[in-house]
Amino acid sequence: MPGPLVLRSGTVLPVDDARSVLPDTDVLIVDDRIAAVGPALEVPTGTREIDAGGGIVMPGMIDTHRHMWQTAMRGYGADWTLSQYFVWYYLENGRHFRPEDIRAGNRLAALESIDAGVTTTVDWSHGLQSVGHAEAAVDALRSVPGRFVLAYGNIQQAPWEWATSGDFRAFATNLRDAADDMLGFQMAFDVTGDPEFPERAAYEVARELDVATTTHAGVWGATNDDGIRLAHDAGFLNERSIFVHAATLSADSYHRIAATGGSVSVSTESEQSAGQGYPPTWALRRHGIPVSLSMDTSVWWSGDLFSAMRTTLGADRSREHMEAHSRGETVTNAALRADQVVEWATRGGARALGRDDLGRLEPGAKADVVLIKNDRSPVSFPLLNPHGHIAFQAQRGDVHTVVVDGRVVKDAHELVGVDLAAARREVESTVEYLRATIGEEAWQQGMNPDVPETTLLDNPYTYTDYASSATHSQR
């Protein structure tokens, strides 16, 4: 283990039950744990000191749903709808990804996670067409000093096929048995609502292996209330169940999730852009369902949770205003607060993963710590409302220091011991291969889908009328 480390004189957000703000406070790290939090701490001889003055010290953020393998296609689908995403990855081109392409995307995604202060990321890895692809995904995650969870999925096969295969069982058993503090394991699949409930077989394998399940639920045109009902009635839902999006569900489904202790991973940038449904935090709050945040995929959106917090606050408050306006009322106090989304981005993710030792800065917790500080930026001051500053002002360039498991992995705005040139070469090789395989015409068409025709409304007013009126008023 590295030697002791102390972050001195920062504004500390421990993300405790009181959502405290501790000004001019130190955080002492010894080995892989938070040893103490308080002002002017005495520290062991030889402790490294980092000046956190003028900055915010917070727990490492936790992303509970990221398709990391797609990061090699960063920004390619910026103008997609959800249907175009499904066609490109599920039906046409997802099958072209080789194990080395999974490795390249995962490694780049893992690096951008820790660069943005996301110390734990769930790799919702539904591009694993073979155990070879899965091994490549794990190899990439193991090569980066972050904390990860491999959520195994395969969109090229039905879950009752891949989950019951001997190859998957052997891989899953080995990974589960070898799983350590830095790499967890889940099963990732969707439930379509088919009354025959063929996904039962996948749930049974998850129960047999004693691993958590994560599913895309409440996605317009893809998954619905029937999927929640079938899994609930069969007794498969529990506190380890994570439902991604959950944007088009009925009150009955929300009640079932709440009653069984499940949580929802909200990807607001995704939901409000792709069309899964309206970002559901306004409904989840009413039903008392725990929330975590996620960014979904860099093929479309940003790879950081600052954007997730910002868009989640905006979408929730927008819905609150819209509902009030439809009743002829005015919202005078915002229900969702900045400190709550900061909690969702940290402790909320920890709770969803069953990791009480993450997402908080208290003695005994794991030393996953982020310092937000940028003395070169005029946006770094004044620091009046730290939770609001994180949610609305900060961005990845303000991440000064990242500590994972007691180890500094980003120092003074620079990733430590990372060969970005090698990661770039891997991704460039993947892009070159996919472009050649798909063909240039299809490649350009996929990146630049047709723009629907816009029909302008008839305008009863004309410039002539405006000009005549203006001339008359001047006289």
Protein backbone atom coordinates (compact mmCIF):
# COMPACT_ATOMS: atom_id res chain seq x y z
CA MET A 1 0.00 0.00 0.00
CA PRO A 2 1.13 3.59 -0.55
CA GLY A 3 2.02 5.69 2.45
CA PRO A 4 -0.43 7.85 4.39
CA LEU A 5 -2.03 10.80 2.62
CA VAL A 6 -3.83 13.86 3.96
CA LEU A 7 -5.90 16.39 2.03
CA ARG A 8 -5.58 19.62 3.98
CA SER A 9 -8.02 22.48 4.60
CA GLY A 10 -10.65 21.68 2.01
CA THR A 11 -14.42 22.04 2.15
CA VAL A 12 -15.37 18.44 2.89
CA LEU A 13 -18.66 16.85 1.85
CA PRO A 14 -18.78 13.57 3.80
CA VAL A 15 -22.20 12.70 2.25
CA ASP A 16 -23.55 11.64 5.61
CA ASP A 17 -27.21 11.49 6.62
CA ALA A 18 -27.18 15.20 7.47
CA ARG A 19 -25.52 16.10 4.14
CA SER A 20 -22.99 18.07 6.15
CA VAL A 21 -20.62 20.72 4.83
CA LEU A 22 -17.33 20.84 6.74
CA PRO A 23 -15.20 23.94 5.94
CA ASP A 24 -11.44 24.02 6.48
CA THR A 25 -11.32 20.27 7.15
CA ASP A 26 -8.70 17.58 6.60
CA VAL A 27 -9.17 14.02 5.35
CA LEU A 28 -6.53 11.51 6.42
CA ILE A 29 -6.06 8.29 4.43
CA VAL A 30 -4.08 5.36 5.79
CA ASP A 31 -3.72 2.29 3.59
CA ASP A 32 -7.06 1.79 1.80
CA ARG A 33 -9.29 3.49 4.38
CA ILE A 34 -10.38 6.89 5.61
CA ALA A 35 -8.59 7.18 8.94
CA ALA A 36 -9.93 10.53 10.16
CA VAL A 37 -11.90 13.59 9.10
CA GLY A 38 -11.52 16.84 11.00
CA PRO A 39 -9.73 20.21 11.30
CA ALA A 40 -5.95 20.38 11.74
CA LEU A 41 -5.46 16.61 12.04
CA GLU A 42 -2.27 15.19 13.47
CA VAL A 43 -0.83 12.77 10.91
CA PRO A 44 1.83 10.06 10.93
CA THR A 45 5.40 10.98 10.09
CA GLY A 46 6.02 10.83 6.36
CA THR A 47 2.41 11.52 5.40
CA ARG A 48 2.06 13.14 1.98
CA GLU A 49 0.07 16.37 2.11
CA ILE A 50 -2.14 17.79 -0.65
CA ASP A 51 -3.38 21.35 -0.29
CA ALA A 52 -7.16 21.19 -0.73
CA GLY A 53 -7.69 24.82 0.30
CA GLY A 54 -10.24 26.52 -1.92
CA GLY A 55 -11.44 23.13 -3.16
CA ILE A 56 -14.11 20.54 -2.38
CA VAL A 57 -13.24 17.09 -1.05
CA MET A 58 -15.96 14.53 -1.74
CA PRO A 59 -16.39 10.77 -2.11
CA GLY A 60 -15.55 9.20 -5.44
CA MET A 61 -18.57 9.16 -7.73
CA ILE A 62 -20.28 5.92 -8.77
CA ASP A 63 -21.77 5.26 -12.22
CA THR A 64 -24.21 2.33 -12.14
CA HIS A 65 -24.74 1.88 -15.89
CA ARG A 66 -22.20 2.53 -18.64
CA HIS A 67 -21.79 0.58 -21.90
CA MET A 68 -18.04 0.88 -21.75
CA TRP A 69 -17.33 -1.20 -24.87
CA GLN A 70 -19.03 1.47 -27.00
CA THR A 71 -16.56 4.19 -25.99
CA ALA A 72 -14.40 3.35 -29.01
CA MET A 73 -17.22 4.95 -31.04
CA ARG A 74 -17.23 8.15 -28.98
CA GLY A 75 -19.65 10.74 -30.35
CA TYR A 76 -20.53 8.67 -33.43
CA GLY A 77 -24.26 8.52 -32.59
CA ALA A 78 -24.69 12.12 -31.49
CA ASP A 79 -27.78 12.55 -33.70
CA TRP A 80 -29.35 9.12 -33.15
CA THR A 81 -32.73 8.21 -31.80
CA LEU A 82 -33.11 5.07 -29.70
CA SER A 83 -34.37 3.18 -32.74
CA GLN A 84 -31.23 4.04 -34.70
CA TYR A 85 -29.10 2.91 -31.76
CA PHE A 86 -30.91 -0.43 -31.67
CA VAL A 87 -30.54 -0.94 -35.41
CA TRP A 88 -26.82 -0.06 -35.44
CA TYR A 89 -25.71 -2.11 -32.44
CA TYR A 90 -28.32 -4.85 -32.06
CA LEU A 91 -29.20 -5.66 -35.65
CA GLU A 92 -26.42 -4.51 -37.96
CA ASN A 93 -22.96 -3.74 -36.57
CA GLY A 94 -22.65 -4.77 -32.93
CA ARG A 95 -21.74 -8.28 -34.03
CA HIS A 96 -18.61 -6.96 -35.80
CA PHE A 97 -16.88 -6.10 -32.52
CA ARG A 98 -13.97 -8.44 -31.82
CA PRO A 99 -12.55 -9.13 -28.34
CA GLU A 100 -9.78 -6.61 -28.98
CA ASP A 101 -12.41 -3.97 -29.81
CA ILE A 102 -14.17 -4.64 -26.51
CA ARG A 103 -10.80 -4.30 -24.77
CA ALA A 104 -10.04 -0.98 -26.49
CA GLY A 105 -13.42 0.56 -25.65
CA ASN A 106 -13.35 -0.67 -22.07
CA ARG A 107 -9.85 0.58 -21.40
CA LEU A 108 -10.63 4.05 -22.75
CA ALA A 109 -13.90 4.20 -20.80
CA ALA A 110 -12.15 3.12 -17.61
CA LEU A 111 -9.56 5.87 -18.03
CA GLU A 112 -12.15 8.55 -18.68
CA SER A 113 -14.10 7.40 -15.62
CA ILE A 114 -11.28 7.97 -13.16
CA ASP A 115 -10.24 11.15 -14.98
CA ALA A 116 -13.72 12.56 -14.20
CA GLY A 117 -13.69 11.46 -10.56
CA VAL A 118 -15.86 8.38 -11.13
CA THR A 119 -14.06 5.87 -8.95
CA THR A 120 -16.56 3.00 -9.41
CA THR A 121 -18.18 2.18 -12.75
CA VAL A 122 -20.62 -0.58 -13.67
CA ASP A 123 -19.65 -1.88 -17.10
CA TRP A 124 -23.09 -2.74 -18.53
CA SER A 125 -21.32 -4.96 -21.01
CA HIS A 126 -23.95 -6.27 -23.41
CA GLY A 127 -21.51 -6.75 -26.28
CA LEU A 128 -20.05 -9.99 -24.92
CA GLN A 129 -20.75 -12.40 -27.77
CA SER A 130 -18.33 -14.97 -26.37
CA VAL A 131 -16.28 -15.73 -23.30
CA GLY A 132 -13.31 -14.40 -25.27
CA HIS A 133 -15.05 -11.02 -25.47
CA ALA A 134 -15.72 -11.17 -21.72
CA GLU A 135 -12.11 -12.00 -20.92
CA ALA A 136 -11.01 -9.01 -23.01
CA ALA A 137 -13.42 -6.78 -21.08
CA VAL A 138 -12.03 -7.98 -17.76
CA ASP A 139 -8.46 -7.59 -18.96
CA ALA A 140 -9.12 -3.94 -19.78
CA LEU A 141 -10.82 -3.23 -16.45
CA ARG A 142 -8.00 -4.89 -14.52
CA SER A 143 -5.44 -2.75 -16.35
CA VAL A 144 -6.83 0.56 -15.00
CA PRO A 145 -6.58 1.52 -11.31
CA GLY A 146 -10.30 2.12 -10.79
CA ARG A 147 -13.08 0.13 -9.18
CA PHE A 148 -15.39 -1.67 -11.62
CA VAL A 149 -18.31 -4.10 -11.86
CA LEU A 150 -18.65 -6.29 -14.93
CA ALA A 151 -22.35 -6.64 -15.77
CA TYR A 152 -22.27 -9.48 -18.29
CA GLY A 153 -24.70 -9.32 -21.22
CA ASN A 154 -25.01 -10.35 -24.85
CA ILE A 155 -27.39 -8.54 -27.20
CA GLN A 156 -26.68 -11.03 -29.98
CA GLN A 157 -28.38 -13.84 -28.05
CA ALA A 158 -31.45 -14.16 -25.86
CA PRO A 159 -30.62 -14.16 -22.12
CA TRP A 160 -32.07 -17.64 -21.63
CA GLU A 161 -29.57 -18.86 -24.21
CA TRP A 162 -26.29 -17.25 -23.17
CA ALA A 163 -26.97 -17.34 -19.42
CA THR A 164 -27.55 -21.10 -19.39
CA SER A 165 -24.57 -22.01 -21.56
CA GLY A 166 -21.70 -23.96 -20.07
CA ASP A 167 -19.16 -21.37 -21.22
CA PHE A 168 -20.93 -18.56 -19.41
CA ARG A 169 -21.44 -20.56 -16.23
CA ALA A 170 -17.76 -21.48 -16.10
CA PHE A 171 -16.65 -17.89 -16.75
CA ALA A 172 -19.13 -16.45 -14.23
CA THR A 173 -18.19 -18.95 -11.54
CA ASN A 174 -14.50 -18.28 -11.98
CA LEU A 175 -14.95 -14.49 -11.95
CA ARG A 176 -17.29 -14.61 -8.97
CA ASP A 177 -14.84 -16.76 -7.01
CA ALA A 178 -11.91 -14.55 -8.02
CA ALA A 179 -13.82 -11.31 -7.51
CA ASP A 180 -12.06 -8.89 -5.22
CA ASP A 181 -12.61 -5.45 -3.85
CA MET A 182 -11.82 -3.85 -7.22
CA LEU A 183 -13.91 -5.96 -9.61
CA GLY A 184 -17.46 -7.10 -8.97
CA PHE A 185 -19.89 -9.08 -11.12
CA GLN A 186 -23.53 -8.78 -12.21
CA MET A 187 -25.76 -10.21 -14.93
CA ALA A 188 -27.24 -7.73 -17.41
CA PHE A 189 -30.32 -8.57 -19.48
CA ASP A 190 -33.73 -7.15 -20.34
CA VAL A 191 -37.22 -8.56 -19.80
CA THR A 192 -39.51 -7.92 -22.76
CA GLY A 193 -42.82 -8.78 -21.09
CA ASP A 194 -43.46 -11.97 -23.08
CA PRO A 195 -46.17 -13.75 -21.01
CA GLU A 196 -44.18 -17.00 -21.28
CA PHE A 197 -41.42 -15.23 -19.30
CA PRO A 198 -38.47 -16.95 -20.99
CA GLU A 199 -36.08 -14.72 -19.01
CA ARG A 200 -36.92 -16.85 -15.97
CA ALA A 201 -34.00 -19.12 -16.91
CA ALA A 202 -31.53 -16.21 -16.68
CA TYR A 203 -32.91 -15.13 -13.32
CA GLU A 204 -32.55 -18.69 -12.05
CA VAL A 205 -28.89 -18.74 -13.08
CA ALA A 206 -28.34 -15.42 -11.28
CA ARG A 207 -29.95 -16.86 -8.16
CA GLU A 208 -27.83 -20.01 -8.43
CA LEU A 209 -24.65 -17.96 -8.80
CA ASP A 210 -25.79 -15.49 -6.11
CA VAL A 211 -25.15 -12.45 -8.30
CA ALA A 212 -27.16 -9.28 -8.76
CA THR A 213 -29.17 -8.50 -11.90
CA THR A 214 -29.45 -5.20 -13.76
CA THR A 215 -32.09 -4.61 -16.44
CA HIS A 216 -33.23 -1.86 -18.79
CA ALA A 217 -36.81 -1.34 -17.62
CA GLY A 218 -39.54 1.07 -18.63
CA VAL A 219 -37.97 1.87 -22.01
CA TRP A 220 -40.50 3.11 -24.56
CA GLY A 221 -41.14 0.49 -27.22
CA ALA A 222 -38.79 -2.09 -25.66
CA THR A 223 -39.60 -2.97 -22.03
CA ASN A 224 -42.71 -2.28 -19.99
CA ASP A 225 -44.73 -3.01 -16.85
CA ASP A 226 -45.25 -6.65 -17.81
CA GLY A 227 -41.54 -7.32 -17.38
CA ILE A 228 -41.61 -5.91 -13.84
CA ARG A 229 -44.77 -7.84 -12.97
CA LEU A 230 -43.46 -11.17 -14.27
CA ALA A 231 -40.16 -10.90 -12.40
CA HIS A 232 -41.89 -9.73 -9.24
CA ASP A 233 -44.56 -12.42 -9.26
CA ALA A 234 -41.85 -15.05 -9.77
CA GLY A 235 -40.02 -13.79 -6.68
CA PHE A 236 -36.84 -12.63 -8.43
CA LEU A 237 -36.83 -8.96 -7.36
CA ASN A 238 -34.87 -7.90 -4.29
CA GLU A 239 -32.68 -5.14 -2.88
CA ARG A 240 -29.90 -6.00 -5.35
CA SER A 241 -32.13 -5.47 -8.40
CA ILE A 242 -31.13 -2.40 -10.41
CA PHE A 243 -33.57 -1.05 -12.98
CA VAL A 244 -32.04 1.25 -15.60
CA HIS A 245 -34.13 4.17 -16.93
CA ALA A 246 -37.54 3.02 -15.56
CA ALA A 247 -39.01 5.97 -17.43
CA THR A 248 -42.36 4.66 -18.73
CA LEU A 249 -43.53 2.52 -15.84
CA SER A 250 -46.88 2.68 -14.08
CA ALA A 251 -47.44 3.33 -10.39
CA ASP A 252 -47.96 -0.41 -9.94
CA SER A 253 -44.44 -1.16 -11.20
CA TYR A 254 -42.92 1.54 -9.03
CA HIS A 255 -44.73 0.08 -6.03
CA ARG A 256 -43.34 -3.38 -6.81
CA ILE A 257 -39.78 -2.03 -7.08
CA ALA A 258 -40.14 -0.06 -3.84
CA ALA A 259 -41.64 -2.99 -1.95
CA THR A 260 -38.78 -5.32 -2.87
CA GLY A 261 -36.03 -2.80 -2.10
CA GLY A 262 -34.76 -2.33 -5.66
CA SER A 263 -33.23 0.85 -7.03
CA VAL A 264 -33.26 2.78 -10.31
CA SER A 265 -30.24 3.96 -12.27
CA VAL A 266 -31.28 7.19 -13.96
CA SER A 267 -29.44 8.28 -17.14
CA THR A 268 -31.01 11.66 -17.69
CA GLU A 269 -28.91 12.73 -20.67
CA SER A 270 -29.95 9.49 -22.35
CA GLU A 271 -33.62 9.50 -21.43
CA GLN A 272 -34.28 13.07 -22.47
CA SER A 273 -32.40 12.68 -25.77
CA ALA A 274 -32.92 9.12 -27.00
CA GLY A 275 -36.57 8.65 -26.11
CA GLN A 276 -36.78 6.02 -23.36
CA GLY A 277 -39.30 8.27 -21.62
CA TYR A 278 -39.22 11.33 -19.41
CA PRO A 279 -36.40 11.08 -16.81
CA PRO A 280 -38.29 9.53 -13.89
CA THR A 281 -36.77 11.04 -10.72
CA TRP A 282 -39.93 13.09 -10.11
CA ALA A 283 -41.89 9.80 -9.94
CA LEU A 284 -39.23 7.83 -8.08
CA ARG A 285 -39.18 10.42 -5.30
CA ARG A 286 -42.92 10.02 -4.79
CA HIS A 287 -42.57 6.25 -4.44
CA GLY A 288 -39.53 6.33 -2.19
CA ILE A 289 -37.34 4.39 -4.63
CA PRO A 290 -33.57 4.75 -4.16
CA VAL A 291 -31.80 6.46 -7.06
CA SER A 292 -28.31 6.23 -8.52
CA LEU A 293 -26.97 8.06 -11.57
CA SER A 294 -25.36 6.86 -14.78
CA MET A 295 -24.28 8.25 -18.13
CA ASP A 296 -25.17 5.28 -20.39
CA THR A 297 -22.80 5.49 -23.38
CA SER A 298 -20.18 7.80 -24.84
CA VAL A 299 -21.35 6.90 -28.35
CA TRP A 300 -23.86 9.69 -27.63
CA TRP A 301 -23.26 11.58 -24.40
CA SER A 302 -20.70 12.86 -21.95
CA GLY A 303 -18.66 10.45 -19.86
CA ASP A 304 -18.98 12.17 -16.49
CA LEU A 305 -21.46 12.48 -13.64
CA PHE A 306 -21.26 16.26 -13.46
CA SER A 307 -23.41 16.30 -16.58
CA ALA A 308 -25.64 13.63 -15.06
CA MET A 309 -26.25 15.70 -11.93
CA ARG A 310 -26.86 18.88 -13.91
CA THR A 311 -29.33 17.35 -16.37
CA THR A 312 -31.12 15.41 -13.63
CA LEU A 313 -31.79 18.55 -11.62
CA GLY A 314 -32.95 20.33 -14.77
CA ALA A 315 -35.27 17.55 -15.91
CA ASP A 316 -36.80 16.98 -12.48
CA ARG A 317 -37.45 20.65 -11.88
CA SER A 318 -38.78 21.13 -15.41
CA ARG A 319 -41.31 18.34 -14.86
CA GLU A 320 -42.31 19.83 -11.53
CA HIS A 321 -42.97 23.21 -13.17
CA MET A 322 -44.84 21.61 -16.09
CA GLU A 323 -47.13 19.64 -13.78
CA ALA A 324 -47.84 22.73 -11.72
CA HIS A 325 -48.51 24.90 -14.77
CA SER A 326 -50.98 22.33 -16.12
CA ARG A 327 -52.97 22.87 -12.90
CA GLY A 328 -52.67 26.64 -13.12
CA GLU A 329 -50.23 26.68 -10.20
CA THR A 330 -46.71 28.01 -9.60
CA VAL A 331 -43.83 26.15 -7.96
CA THR A 332 -42.38 28.36 -5.26
CA ASN A 333 -39.88 25.91 -3.71
CA ALA A 334 -37.81 23.31 -5.58
CA ALA A 335 -38.28 19.81 -4.16
CA LEU A 336 -35.14 18.20 -5.58
CA ARG A 337 -32.03 19.86 -4.18
CA ALA A 338 -28.42 19.94 -5.27
CA ASP A 339 -27.23 18.05 -2.20
CA GLN A 340 -29.60 15.19 -3.08
CA VAL A 341 -28.20 14.66 -6.57
CA VAL A 342 -24.66 14.77 -5.18
CA GLU A 343 -25.77 12.00 -2.83
CA TRP A 344 -27.26 10.05 -5.74
CA ALA A 345 -23.95 10.35 -7.62
CA THR A 346 -22.00 8.93 -4.68
CA ARG A 347 -23.77 7.19 -1.83
CA GLY A 348 -26.76 6.33 -4.03
CA GLY A 349 -24.53 4.28 -6.29
CA ALA A 350 -22.87 2.63 -3.30
CA ARG A 351 -26.23 1.57 -1.91
CA ALA A 352 -27.34 0.18 -5.26
CA LEU A 353 -24.19 -1.97 -5.36
CA GLY A 354 -24.52 -3.06 -1.75
CA ARG A 355 -21.28 -1.29 -0.85
CA ASP A 356 -21.79 0.60 2.40
CA ASP A 357 -18.04 1.19 2.52
CA LEU A 358 -18.16 3.42 -0.58
CA GLY A 359 -19.75 6.77 -1.37
CA ARG A 360 -18.97 8.50 1.94
CA LEU A 361 -16.06 10.14 3.74
CA GLU A 362 -16.15 8.74 7.25
CA PRO A 363 -13.55 6.83 9.29
CA GLY A 364 -13.52 3.20 8.22
CA ALA A 365 -14.90 3.83 4.73
CA LYS A 366 -12.87 2.91 1.67
CA ALA A 367 -10.50 5.63 0.57
CA ASP A 368 -12.13 6.56 -2.74
CA VAL A 369 -11.79 10.34 -2.66
CA VAL A 370 -12.02 13.21 -5.14
CA LEU A 371 -10.68 16.75 -4.82
CA ILE A 372 -12.44 19.36 -6.95
CA LYS A 373 -10.02 22.27 -7.28
CA ASN A 374 -8.87 24.38 -10.20
CA ASP A 375 -6.90 27.49 -9.30
CA ARG A 376 -6.56 28.31 -13.00
CA SER A 377 -10.30 28.70 -13.48
CA PRO A 378 -12.39 31.80 -12.65
CA VAL A 379 -15.30 29.39 -12.06
CA SER A 380 -13.57 27.97 -8.98
CA PHE A 381 -14.57 30.92 -6.78
CA PRO A 382 -16.40 32.11 -4.83
CA LEU A 383 -17.25 28.76 -3.23
CA LEU A 384 -20.52 29.57 -1.46
CA ASN A 385 -22.74 26.51 -1.91
CA PRO A 386 -20.49 23.43 -2.32
CA HIS A 387 -23.27 21.02 -3.33
CA GLY A 388 -24.61 23.53 -5.85
CA HIS A 389 -21.08 24.17 -7.10
CA ILE A 390 -20.57 20.48 -7.86
CA ALA A 391 -23.97 20.06 -9.48
CA PHE A 392 -23.99 23.20 -11.64
CA GLN A 393 -20.48 24.67 -11.88
CA ALA A 394 -17.85 21.91 -11.79
CA GLN A 395 -16.69 19.77 -14.69
CA ARG A 396 -14.08 17.10 -15.35
CA GLY A 397 -11.33 19.66 -15.87
CA ASP A 398 -11.79 20.73 -12.24
CA VAL A 399 -10.96 17.26 -10.92
CA HIS A 400 -7.58 17.86 -9.30
CA THR A 401 -6.96 14.64 -7.37
CA VAL A 402 -8.54 11.19 -7.49
CA VAL A 403 -7.78 8.52 -4.92
CA VAL A 404 -8.98 4.93 -5.39
CA ASP A 405 -8.49 2.38 -2.63
CA GLY A 406 -5.94 4.68 -1.02
CA ARG A 407 -3.89 5.12 -4.18
CA VAL A 408 -3.56 8.45 -6.00
CA VAL A 409 -4.58 7.79 -9.61
CA LYS A 410 -4.97 11.40 -10.71
CA ASP A 411 -2.58 14.00 -9.35
CA ALA A 412 -2.68 17.75 -10.03
CA HIS A 413 -5.07 17.23 -12.98
CA GLU A 414 -2.95 14.45 -14.56
CA LEU A 415 -3.66 10.71 -14.66
CA VAL A 416 -0.87 8.78 -12.97
CA GLY A 417 1.05 6.07 -14.79
CA VAL A 418 -1.28 5.98 -17.78
CA ASP A 419 -0.16 5.39 -21.36
CA LEU A 420 -2.76 7.42 -23.24
CA ALA A 421 -0.84 6.97 -26.48
CA ALA A 422 -1.31 3.19 -26.25
CA ALA A 423 -5.03 3.61 -25.51
CA ARG A 424 -5.31 5.92 -28.51
CA ARG A 425 -3.62 3.37 -30.78
CA GLU A 426 -5.97 0.62 -29.63
CA VAL A 427 -9.06 2.71 -30.30
CA GLU A 428 -7.78 3.96 -33.64
CA SER A 429 -7.25 0.35 -34.68
CA THR A 430 -10.83 -0.49 -33.71
CA VAL A 431 -12.24 2.50 -35.60
CA GLU A 432 -10.18 1.64 -38.69
CA TYR A 433 -11.35 -1.99 -38.58
CA LEU A 434 -15.03 -1.15 -38.09
CA ARG A 435 -15.00 1.51 -40.78
CA ALA A 436 -13.48 -0.91 -43.28
CA THR A 437 -15.84 -3.72 -42.28
CA ILE A 438 -18.98 -1.62 -42.49
CA GLY A 439 -17.98 0.27 -45.63
CA GLU A 440 -17.57 4.00 -46.06
CA GLU A 441 -21.09 4.70 -47.33
CA ALA A 442 -22.76 2.81 -44.47
CA TRP A 443 -20.33 4.36 -42.00
CA GLN A 444 -21.25 7.90 -43.06
CA GLN A 445 -24.96 7.10 -43.18
CA GLY A 446 -24.85 5.60 -39.68
CA MET A 447 -23.17 8.71 -38.29
CA ASN A 448 -25.39 11.12 -40.23
CA PRO A 449 -28.96 9.78 -40.22
CA ASP A 450 -31.61 11.47 -42.31
CA VAL A 451 -33.10 14.68 -40.98
CA PRO A 452 -36.91 14.52 -40.92
CA GLU A 453 -38.69 17.14 -42.97
CA THR A 454 -39.93 20.11 -40.97
CA THR A 455 -43.29 21.60 -41.88
CA LEU A 456 -43.54 25.28 -41.01
CA LEU A 457 -46.79 26.58 -39.58
CA ASP A 458 -48.62 29.19 -41.60
CA ASN A 459 -47.81 32.63 -40.21
CA PRO A 460 -50.74 35.08 -40.41
CA TYR A 461 -48.33 38.00 -39.93
CA THR A 462 -46.13 39.33 -42.70
CA TYR A 463 -43.06 41.53 -42.81
CA THR A 464 -45.05 44.04 -44.85
CA ASP A 465 -47.56 44.39 -42.00
CA TYR A 466 -44.71 44.75 -39.47
CA ALA A 467 -42.87 47.32 -41.60
CA SER A 468 -46.05 49.32 -42.19
CA SER A 469 -46.82 49.36 -38.47
CA ALA A 470 -43.26 50.38 -37.58
CA THR A 471 -43.32 53.22 -40.15
CA HIS A 472 -46.66 54.43 -38.79
CA SER A 473 -45.42 54.44 -35.19
CA GLN A 474 -42.32 56.46 -36.15
CA ARG A 475 -44.57 59.21 -37.57
